[in-house]
């Protein structure tokens, strides 16, 4: 839980770099969902690049699955649909 919080806080600051513990301990599904809820594009390339500096490969499928769920929820909340 602590690692997920650290990863979430680091991800909120676009200029921050993911630490090795944040890369390894993040809940990538939740991180993707949170990013999707913001309505923006997926940030998987940013996270993958930052974590690759620590030789850590992140589970992109988990992140993207969460992002799709969050993004669909975002579109539902703003009165549209994810398919629009």
N, C-alpha and C. Protein backbone atom coordinates (compact mmCIF):
# COMPACT_ATOMS: atom_id res chain seq x y z
N UNK A 1 0.83 -1.18 0.00
CA UNK A 1 0.00 0.00 0.00
C UNK A 1 0.88 1.25 0.00
N UNK A 2 1.91 1.24 0.79
CA UNK A 2 2.80 2.40 0.88
C UNK A 2 3.46 2.68 -0.45
N UNK A 3 3.87 1.61 -1.15
CA UNK A 3 4.53 1.79 -2.45
C UNK A 3 3.56 2.36 -3.47
N UNK A 4 2.30 1.92 -3.42
CA UNK A 4 1.31 2.44 -4.36
C UNK A 4 1.09 3.93 -4.11
N UNK A 5 1.09 4.34 -2.86
CA UNK A 5 0.93 5.75 -2.53
C UNK A 5 2.11 6.56 -3.05
N UNK A 6 3.29 6.04 -2.85
CA UNK A 6 4.49 6.73 -3.34
C UNK A 6 4.44 6.85 -4.85
N UNK A 7 4.08 5.77 -5.53
CA UNK A 7 4.00 5.80 -6.99
C UNK A 7 2.95 6.79 -7.46
N UNK A 8 1.83 6.82 -6.77
CA UNK A 8 0.76 7.75 -7.15
C UNK A 8 1.21 9.20 -6.97
N UNK A 9 1.89 9.48 -5.88
CA UNK A 9 2.35 10.84 -5.64
C UNK A 9 3.39 11.26 -6.67
N UNK A 10 4.27 10.36 -7.00
CA UNK A 10 5.29 10.68 -8.00
C UNK A 10 4.67 10.90 -9.37
N UNK A 11 3.66 10.12 -9.69
CA UNK A 11 3.01 10.23 -10.99
C UNK A 11 2.25 11.53 -11.13
N UNK A 12 1.80 12.09 -10.03
CA UNK A 12 1.06 13.35 -10.09
C UNK A 12 1.93 14.50 -10.55
N UNK A 13 3.20 14.41 -10.28
CA UNK A 13 4.12 15.46 -10.71
C UNK A 13 4.78 15.00 -12.01
N UNK A 14 4.39 15.62 -13.10
CA UNK A 14 4.87 15.19 -14.41
C UNK A 14 6.37 15.20 -14.56
N UNK A 15 7.06 16.04 -13.77
CA UNK A 15 8.50 16.14 -13.92
C UNK A 15 9.25 15.17 -13.01
N UNK A 16 8.56 14.50 -12.13
CA UNK A 16 9.22 13.58 -11.21
C UNK A 16 9.59 12.29 -11.91
N UNK A 17 10.68 11.72 -11.47
CA UNK A 17 11.12 10.45 -12.00
C UNK A 17 10.72 9.35 -11.04
N UNK A 18 10.27 8.23 -11.60
CA UNK A 18 9.90 7.09 -10.79
C UNK A 18 11.16 6.50 -10.16
N UNK A 19 11.09 6.20 -8.88
CA UNK A 19 12.20 5.55 -8.18
C UNK A 19 12.12 4.05 -8.41
N UNK A 20 13.19 3.33 -8.14
CA UNK A 20 13.13 1.87 -8.30
C UNK A 20 12.01 1.25 -7.45
N UNK A 21 11.85 1.71 -6.21
CA UNK A 21 10.81 1.13 -5.35
C UNK A 21 9.42 1.50 -5.86
N UNK A 22 9.26 2.70 -6.42
CA UNK A 22 7.96 3.10 -6.97
C UNK A 22 7.63 2.27 -8.21
N UNK A 23 8.63 2.01 -9.03
CA UNK A 23 8.41 1.19 -10.23
C UNK A 23 8.04 -0.24 -9.86
N UNK A 24 8.76 -0.79 -8.91
CA UNK A 24 8.55 -2.19 -8.55
C UNK A 24 7.30 -2.39 -7.70
N UNK A 25 6.93 -1.38 -6.91
CA UNK A 25 5.83 -1.56 -5.98
C UNK A 25 4.51 -0.95 -6.38
N UNK A 26 4.44 -0.34 -7.55
CA UNK A 26 3.21 0.32 -7.97
C UNK A 26 2.12 -0.69 -8.31
N UNK A 27 0.90 -0.30 -8.06
CA UNK A 27 -0.25 -1.06 -8.55
C UNK A 27 -0.58 -0.43 -9.90
N UNK A 28 -0.11 -1.05 -10.96
CA UNK A 28 -0.18 -0.46 -12.29
C UNK A 28 -1.60 -0.34 -12.80
N UNK A 29 -2.47 -1.26 -12.42
CA UNK A 29 -3.87 -1.15 -12.80
C UNK A 29 -4.47 0.12 -12.20
N UNK A 30 -4.26 0.33 -10.90
CA UNK A 30 -4.80 1.51 -10.24
C UNK A 30 -4.21 2.80 -10.80
N UNK A 31 -2.94 2.79 -11.09
CA UNK A 31 -2.29 3.96 -11.66
C UNK A 31 -2.89 4.29 -13.03
N UNK A 32 -3.10 3.27 -13.84
CA UNK A 32 -3.73 3.47 -15.14
C UNK A 32 -5.15 3.98 -15.02
N UNK A 33 -5.89 3.40 -14.08
CA UNK A 33 -7.27 3.84 -13.87
C UNK A 33 -7.32 5.30 -13.45
N UNK A 34 -6.44 5.68 -12.55
CA UNK A 34 -6.39 7.07 -12.10
C UNK A 34 -6.06 8.02 -13.24
N UNK A 35 -5.09 7.63 -14.07
CA UNK A 35 -4.75 8.46 -15.22
C UNK A 35 -5.93 8.56 -16.19
N UNK A 36 -6.64 7.46 -16.39
CA UNK A 36 -7.81 7.47 -17.27
C UNK A 36 -8.93 8.33 -16.73
N UNK A 37 -9.12 8.33 -15.42
CA UNK A 37 -10.15 9.15 -14.82
C UNK A 37 -9.89 10.64 -15.03
N UNK A 38 -8.64 10.99 -15.27
CA UNK A 38 -8.29 12.39 -15.53
C UNK A 38 -8.65 12.84 -16.94
N UNK A 39 -8.99 11.91 -17.81
CA UNK A 39 -9.39 12.25 -19.17
C UNK A 39 -8.27 12.44 -20.16
N UNK A 40 -7.05 12.29 -19.71
CA UNK A 40 -5.90 12.47 -20.61
C UNK A 40 -5.51 11.17 -21.29
N UNK A 41 -4.51 11.26 -22.15
CA UNK A 41 -4.02 10.05 -22.82
C UNK A 41 -3.25 9.16 -21.85
N UNK A 42 -3.08 7.89 -22.20
CA UNK A 42 -2.27 7.02 -21.35
C UNK A 42 -0.84 7.54 -21.27
N UNK A 43 -0.23 7.36 -20.11
CA UNK A 43 1.15 7.82 -19.88
C UNK A 43 2.12 6.63 -19.77
N UNK A 44 1.73 5.52 -20.35
CA UNK A 44 2.52 4.30 -20.20
C UNK A 44 3.95 4.46 -20.71
N UNK A 45 4.12 5.22 -21.80
CA UNK A 45 5.48 5.40 -22.34
C UNK A 45 6.37 6.16 -21.37
N UNK A 46 5.80 7.14 -20.68
CA UNK A 46 6.57 7.91 -19.70
C UNK A 46 7.02 7.01 -18.56
N UNK A 47 6.07 6.24 -18.01
CA UNK A 47 6.40 5.34 -16.90
C UNK A 47 7.40 4.27 -17.34
N UNK A 48 7.18 3.70 -18.52
CA UNK A 48 8.08 2.65 -19.01
C UNK A 48 9.49 3.19 -19.18
N UNK A 49 9.61 4.40 -19.72
CA UNK A 49 10.92 5.00 -19.91
C UNK A 49 11.60 5.26 -18.56
N UNK A 50 10.86 5.83 -17.63
CA UNK A 50 11.44 6.13 -16.32
C UNK A 50 11.86 4.86 -15.59
N UNK A 51 11.04 3.83 -15.65
CA UNK A 51 11.37 2.59 -14.94
C UNK A 51 12.47 1.80 -15.65
N UNK A 52 12.58 1.97 -16.98
CA UNK A 52 13.64 1.26 -17.70
C UNK A 52 15.02 1.75 -17.27
N UNK A 53 15.09 2.98 -16.78
CA UNK A 53 16.37 3.50 -16.27
C UNK A 53 16.85 2.70 -15.06
N UNK A 54 15.93 2.02 -14.39
CA UNK A 54 16.25 1.18 -13.23
C UNK A 54 16.21 -0.30 -13.60
N UNK A 55 16.20 -0.59 -14.90
CA UNK A 55 16.12 -1.96 -15.41
C UNK A 55 14.87 -2.69 -14.89
N UNK A 56 13.76 -1.97 -14.79
CA UNK A 56 12.51 -2.56 -14.34
C UNK A 56 11.50 -2.45 -15.47
N UNK A 57 10.99 -3.60 -15.88
CA UNK A 57 9.96 -3.64 -16.92
C UNK A 57 8.60 -3.61 -16.23
N UNK A 58 7.76 -2.70 -16.65
CA UNK A 58 6.46 -2.57 -15.99
C UNK A 58 5.39 -3.36 -16.76
N UNK A 59 4.33 -3.78 -16.06
CA UNK A 59 3.27 -4.53 -16.72
C UNK A 59 2.33 -3.59 -17.48
N UNK A 60 2.67 -3.30 -18.71
CA UNK A 60 1.90 -2.34 -19.51
C UNK A 60 0.46 -2.78 -19.68
N UNK A 61 0.21 -4.08 -19.80
CA UNK A 61 -1.17 -4.56 -19.98
C UNK A 61 -2.03 -4.22 -18.77
N UNK A 62 -1.48 -4.33 -17.57
CA UNK A 62 -2.23 -3.98 -16.37
C UNK A 62 -2.56 -2.49 -16.36
N UNK A 63 -1.57 -1.67 -16.69
CA UNK A 63 -1.78 -0.22 -16.72
C UNK A 63 -2.87 0.13 -17.73
N UNK A 64 -2.74 -0.40 -18.94
CA UNK A 64 -3.70 -0.06 -20.00
C UNK A 64 -5.10 -0.56 -19.70
N UNK A 65 -5.21 -1.71 -19.07
CA UNK A 65 -6.52 -2.21 -18.68
C UNK A 65 -7.18 -1.23 -17.70
N UNK A 66 -6.42 -0.77 -16.73
CA UNK A 66 -6.93 0.21 -15.78
C UNK A 66 -7.25 1.54 -16.45
N UNK A 67 -6.40 1.95 -17.39
CA UNK A 67 -6.63 3.21 -18.08
C UNK A 67 -7.94 3.18 -18.87
N UNK A 68 -8.21 2.08 -19.55
CA UNK A 68 -9.45 1.96 -20.33
C UNK A 68 -10.67 2.08 -19.42
N UNK A 69 -10.62 1.44 -18.26
CA UNK A 69 -11.74 1.51 -17.32
C UNK A 69 -11.91 2.94 -16.82
N UNK A 70 -10.81 3.57 -16.41
CA UNK A 70 -10.86 4.94 -15.93
C UNK A 70 -11.32 5.92 -17.00
N UNK A 71 -10.83 5.74 -18.21
CA UNK A 71 -11.20 6.64 -19.30
C UNK A 71 -12.67 6.50 -19.66
N UNK A 72 -13.19 5.27 -19.65
CA UNK A 72 -14.62 5.06 -19.92
C UNK A 72 -15.46 5.74 -18.84
N UNK A 73 -15.03 5.63 -17.59
CA UNK A 73 -15.74 6.28 -16.49
C UNK A 73 -15.70 7.79 -16.66
N UNK A 74 -14.56 8.34 -17.05
CA UNK A 74 -14.42 9.77 -17.29
C UNK A 74 -15.43 10.23 -18.34
N UNK A 75 -15.51 9.51 -19.46
CA UNK A 75 -16.42 9.89 -20.53
C UNK A 75 -17.88 9.79 -20.10
N UNK A 76 -18.20 8.78 -19.30
CA UNK A 76 -19.56 8.66 -18.78
C UNK A 76 -19.90 9.84 -17.88
N UNK A 77 -18.95 10.29 -17.09
CA UNK A 77 -19.19 11.39 -16.15
C UNK A 77 -19.35 12.74 -16.85
N UNK A 78 -18.71 12.92 -17.98
CA UNK A 78 -18.80 14.21 -18.66
C UNK A 78 -19.95 14.23 -19.67
N UNK A 79 -20.77 13.20 -19.63
CA UNK A 79 -21.99 13.22 -20.45
C UNK A 79 -21.88 12.57 -21.81
N UNK A 80 -20.74 12.02 -22.12
CA UNK A 80 -20.58 11.33 -23.38
C UNK A 80 -20.43 9.85 -23.16
N UNK A 81 -19.88 9.20 -24.10
CA UNK A 81 -19.56 7.79 -23.93
C UNK A 81 -18.13 7.58 -24.38
N UNK A 82 -17.56 6.48 -23.98
CA UNK A 82 -16.17 6.18 -24.34
C UNK A 82 -16.03 5.95 -25.84
N UNK A 83 -17.15 5.67 -26.52
CA UNK A 83 -17.09 5.39 -27.96
C UNK A 83 -17.23 6.64 -28.82
N UNK A 84 -17.57 7.78 -28.25
CA UNK A 84 -17.78 9.00 -29.03
C UNK A 84 -16.52 9.54 -29.62
